[in-house]
N, C-alpha and C. Protein backbone atom coordinates (compact mmCIF):
# COMPACT_ATOMS: atom_id res chain seq x y z
N MET A 1 -43.83 32.60 -22.80
CA MET A 1 -42.47 32.32 -22.50
C MET A 1 -41.90 33.51 -21.75
N SER A 2 -41.71 33.38 -20.44
CA SER A 2 -41.20 34.49 -19.66
C SER A 2 -39.71 34.33 -19.44
N ARG A 3 -39.04 35.45 -19.55
CA ARG A 3 -37.59 35.45 -19.33
C ARG A 3 -37.32 36.03 -17.97
N LYS A 4 -36.36 35.47 -17.31
CA LYS A 4 -35.96 35.94 -16.01
C LYS A 4 -35.17 37.23 -16.19
N ALA A 5 -35.46 38.23 -15.36
CA ALA A 5 -34.73 39.49 -15.45
C ALA A 5 -33.27 39.26 -15.08
N PRO A 6 -32.34 39.86 -15.82
CA PRO A 6 -30.93 39.67 -15.51
C PRO A 6 -30.58 40.30 -14.18
N ALA A 7 -29.65 39.68 -13.47
CA ALA A 7 -29.20 40.22 -12.19
C ALA A 7 -28.45 41.52 -12.44
N ARG A 8 -28.67 42.48 -11.57
CA ARG A 8 -27.99 43.77 -11.72
C ARG A 8 -26.54 43.62 -11.31
N LEU A 9 -25.68 44.15 -12.09
CA LEU A 9 -24.26 44.14 -11.76
C LEU A 9 -23.99 45.22 -10.73
N PRO A 10 -22.98 45.03 -9.90
CA PRO A 10 -22.69 46.05 -8.89
C PRO A 10 -22.25 47.36 -9.53
N ALA A 11 -22.45 48.43 -8.78
CA ALA A 11 -22.01 49.74 -9.26
C ALA A 11 -20.49 49.74 -9.37
N PRO A 12 -19.96 50.50 -10.30
CA PRO A 12 -18.51 50.59 -10.44
C PRO A 12 -17.88 51.18 -9.18
N ALA A 13 -16.61 50.88 -8.97
CA ALA A 13 -15.90 51.37 -7.78
C ALA A 13 -15.59 52.86 -7.89
N SER A 14 -15.54 53.37 -9.12
CA SER A 14 -15.19 54.78 -9.30
C SER A 14 -15.76 55.28 -10.63
N TYR A 15 -15.71 56.60 -10.77
CA TYR A 15 -16.14 57.23 -12.02
C TYR A 15 -15.26 56.72 -13.17
N GLY A 16 -13.96 56.66 -12.94
CA GLY A 16 -13.04 56.20 -13.98
C GLY A 16 -13.34 54.78 -14.44
N GLU A 17 -13.66 53.92 -13.48
CA GLU A 17 -14.00 52.54 -13.84
C GLU A 17 -15.29 52.50 -14.65
N ALA A 18 -16.25 53.33 -14.29
CA ALA A 18 -17.52 53.37 -15.02
C ALA A 18 -17.29 53.83 -16.46
N VAL A 19 -16.46 54.84 -16.64
CA VAL A 19 -16.17 55.33 -17.99
C VAL A 19 -15.46 54.24 -18.80
N GLN A 20 -14.53 53.55 -18.17
CA GLN A 20 -13.81 52.48 -18.86
C GLN A 20 -14.78 51.37 -19.29
N GLN A 21 -15.68 50.98 -18.39
CA GLN A 21 -16.67 49.96 -18.73
C GLN A 21 -17.58 50.43 -19.86
N LEU A 22 -17.97 51.70 -19.82
CA LEU A 22 -18.81 52.26 -20.88
C LEU A 22 -18.10 52.22 -22.23
N GLU A 23 -16.83 52.58 -22.24
CA GLU A 23 -16.06 52.56 -23.49
C GLU A 23 -15.98 51.15 -24.06
N GLN A 24 -15.74 50.16 -23.19
CA GLN A 24 -15.67 48.78 -23.65
C GLN A 24 -17.02 48.31 -24.17
N LEU A 25 -18.07 48.70 -23.48
CA LEU A 25 -19.41 48.30 -23.87
C LEU A 25 -19.79 48.90 -25.22
N VAL A 26 -19.49 50.17 -25.40
CA VAL A 26 -19.79 50.84 -26.68
C VAL A 26 -19.03 50.18 -27.82
N ALA A 27 -17.76 49.85 -27.57
CA ALA A 27 -16.96 49.19 -28.61
C ALA A 27 -17.58 47.84 -28.97
N ALA A 28 -18.04 47.10 -27.96
CA ALA A 28 -18.67 45.80 -28.22
C ALA A 28 -19.97 45.97 -29.00
N LEU A 29 -20.77 46.96 -28.62
CA LEU A 29 -22.03 47.20 -29.33
C LEU A 29 -21.79 47.62 -30.77
N GLU A 30 -20.81 48.49 -30.96
CA GLU A 30 -20.52 48.99 -32.31
C GLU A 30 -19.89 47.93 -33.21
N SER A 31 -19.25 46.93 -32.61
CA SER A 31 -18.58 45.90 -33.41
C SER A 31 -19.58 45.04 -34.17
N GLY A 32 -20.80 44.97 -33.66
CA GLY A 32 -21.79 44.13 -34.31
C GLY A 32 -21.58 42.65 -34.04
N GLN A 33 -20.70 42.32 -33.12
CA GLN A 33 -20.37 40.93 -32.85
C GLN A 33 -21.16 40.32 -31.68
N LEU A 34 -21.93 41.13 -30.98
CA LEU A 34 -22.70 40.61 -29.85
C LEU A 34 -23.90 39.82 -30.36
N PRO A 35 -24.19 38.70 -29.72
CA PRO A 35 -25.40 37.96 -30.08
C PRO A 35 -26.63 38.81 -29.79
N LEU A 36 -27.66 38.62 -30.56
CA LEU A 36 -28.89 39.38 -30.42
C LEU A 36 -29.42 39.33 -28.99
N GLU A 37 -29.31 38.18 -28.35
CA GLU A 37 -29.82 38.00 -26.99
C GLU A 37 -29.11 38.91 -25.99
N ASP A 38 -27.87 39.28 -26.27
CA ASP A 38 -27.08 40.10 -25.35
C ASP A 38 -27.22 41.60 -25.58
N LEU A 39 -27.75 42.00 -26.71
CA LEU A 39 -27.80 43.42 -27.05
C LEU A 39 -28.59 44.23 -26.03
N LEU A 40 -29.77 43.80 -25.69
CA LEU A 40 -30.61 44.55 -24.75
C LEU A 40 -29.96 44.61 -23.38
N THR A 41 -29.43 43.48 -22.92
CA THR A 41 -28.77 43.44 -21.61
C THR A 41 -27.60 44.41 -21.57
N GLN A 42 -26.79 44.41 -22.61
CA GLN A 42 -25.64 45.30 -22.65
C GLN A 42 -26.06 46.76 -22.75
N TYR A 43 -27.11 47.02 -23.51
CA TYR A 43 -27.64 48.38 -23.61
C TYR A 43 -28.12 48.86 -22.24
N GLN A 44 -28.83 48.00 -21.52
CA GLN A 44 -29.31 48.35 -20.19
C GLN A 44 -28.16 48.62 -19.23
N ARG A 45 -27.11 47.82 -19.31
CA ARG A 45 -25.94 48.05 -18.46
C ARG A 45 -25.31 49.40 -18.81
N GLY A 46 -25.25 49.71 -20.07
CA GLY A 46 -24.73 51.01 -20.50
C GLY A 46 -25.54 52.15 -19.93
N ALA A 47 -26.86 52.00 -19.91
CA ALA A 47 -27.73 53.03 -19.35
C ALA A 47 -27.47 53.19 -17.85
N GLU A 48 -27.25 52.07 -17.15
CA GLU A 48 -26.93 52.13 -15.72
C GLU A 48 -25.60 52.86 -15.48
N LEU A 49 -24.60 52.52 -16.29
CA LEU A 49 -23.29 53.16 -16.15
C LEU A 49 -23.38 54.65 -16.45
N LEU A 50 -24.13 55.01 -17.47
CA LEU A 50 -24.29 56.41 -17.82
C LEU A 50 -24.97 57.17 -16.69
N SER A 51 -25.99 56.58 -16.11
CA SER A 51 -26.68 57.19 -14.98
C SER A 51 -25.73 57.38 -13.79
N TYR A 52 -24.91 56.37 -13.53
CA TYR A 52 -23.92 56.46 -12.44
C TYR A 52 -22.97 57.63 -12.70
N CYS A 53 -22.46 57.73 -13.92
CA CYS A 53 -21.52 58.81 -14.27
C CYS A 53 -22.18 60.18 -14.13
N ARG A 54 -23.40 60.30 -14.60
CA ARG A 54 -24.11 61.58 -14.49
C ARG A 54 -24.32 61.96 -13.03
N ASP A 55 -24.70 60.98 -12.19
CA ASP A 55 -24.89 61.25 -10.77
C ASP A 55 -23.61 61.70 -10.11
N ARG A 56 -22.49 61.05 -10.44
CA ARG A 56 -21.20 61.43 -9.86
C ARG A 56 -20.80 62.84 -10.31
N LEU A 57 -20.99 63.14 -11.57
CA LEU A 57 -20.66 64.47 -12.07
C LEU A 57 -21.52 65.54 -11.42
N GLN A 58 -22.80 65.25 -11.24
CA GLN A 58 -23.69 66.21 -10.59
C GLN A 58 -23.26 66.43 -9.15
N ALA A 59 -22.86 65.38 -8.46
CA ALA A 59 -22.40 65.52 -7.07
C ALA A 59 -21.16 66.40 -7.00
N VAL A 60 -20.25 66.22 -7.93
CA VAL A 60 -19.04 67.05 -7.95
C VAL A 60 -19.39 68.50 -8.27
N GLU A 61 -20.30 68.70 -9.22
CA GLU A 61 -20.73 70.06 -9.54
C GLU A 61 -21.34 70.75 -8.33
N GLU A 62 -22.15 70.03 -7.57
CA GLU A 62 -22.76 70.60 -6.37
C GLU A 62 -21.69 70.94 -5.34
N GLN A 63 -20.68 70.09 -5.22
CA GLN A 63 -19.61 70.36 -4.27
C GLN A 63 -18.83 71.61 -4.67
N VAL A 64 -18.59 71.77 -5.95
CA VAL A 64 -17.86 72.93 -6.44
C VAL A 64 -18.66 74.21 -6.19
N LYS A 65 -19.98 74.12 -6.25
CA LYS A 65 -20.82 75.29 -6.03
C LYS A 65 -20.78 75.77 -4.58
N VAL A 66 -20.43 74.87 -3.67
CA VAL A 66 -20.41 75.22 -2.25
C VAL A 66 -19.06 75.88 -1.95
N LEU A 67 -18.98 77.14 -2.24
CA LEU A 67 -17.72 77.85 -2.05
C LEU A 67 -17.81 78.81 -0.88
N ASP A 68 -16.71 78.94 -0.21
CA ASP A 68 -16.56 79.87 0.88
C ASP A 68 -16.47 81.29 0.32
N GLN A 69 -16.59 82.27 1.13
CA GLN A 69 -16.41 83.65 0.67
C GLN A 69 -14.97 83.87 0.22
N ASP A 70 -14.04 83.11 0.77
CA ASP A 70 -12.63 83.24 0.40
C ASP A 70 -12.30 82.44 -0.86
N GLY A 71 -13.27 81.73 -1.40
CA GLY A 71 -13.03 80.95 -2.59
C GLY A 71 -12.57 79.53 -2.29
N ALA A 72 -12.50 79.14 -1.02
CA ALA A 72 -12.10 77.78 -0.66
C ALA A 72 -13.33 76.87 -0.67
N VAL A 73 -13.13 75.66 -1.09
CA VAL A 73 -14.22 74.72 -1.10
C VAL A 73 -14.53 74.27 0.34
N LYS A 74 -15.78 74.35 0.70
CA LYS A 74 -16.19 73.92 2.03
C LYS A 74 -16.29 72.39 2.04
N PRO A 75 -16.17 71.78 3.22
CA PRO A 75 -16.39 70.34 3.29
C PRO A 75 -17.80 70.01 2.81
N TRP A 76 -17.91 68.92 2.11
CA TRP A 76 -19.18 68.54 1.53
C TRP A 76 -19.62 67.22 2.13
N ASN A 77 -20.86 67.11 2.50
CA ASN A 77 -21.38 65.90 3.12
C ASN A 77 -22.37 65.20 2.21
N GLY A 78 -21.97 64.92 0.98
CA GLY A 78 -22.88 64.31 0.01
C GLY A 78 -22.70 62.91 -0.03
């Protein structure tokens, strides 16, 4: 019995949206009200959102590291 892989949801529009989706997802998982069939799918979506957030944070950290001698942030092409 093979199951079709769930379609990937689009990436969030922003870091803030990703965090909001993660918070909602965690609340749903912690509530214990999700059907068993949805648990893995929701967990996987949470992992995708977490990865997105980590990538965005790392990009910002890299941008902050690119400092001018005067302490001004240089334009970043990431």
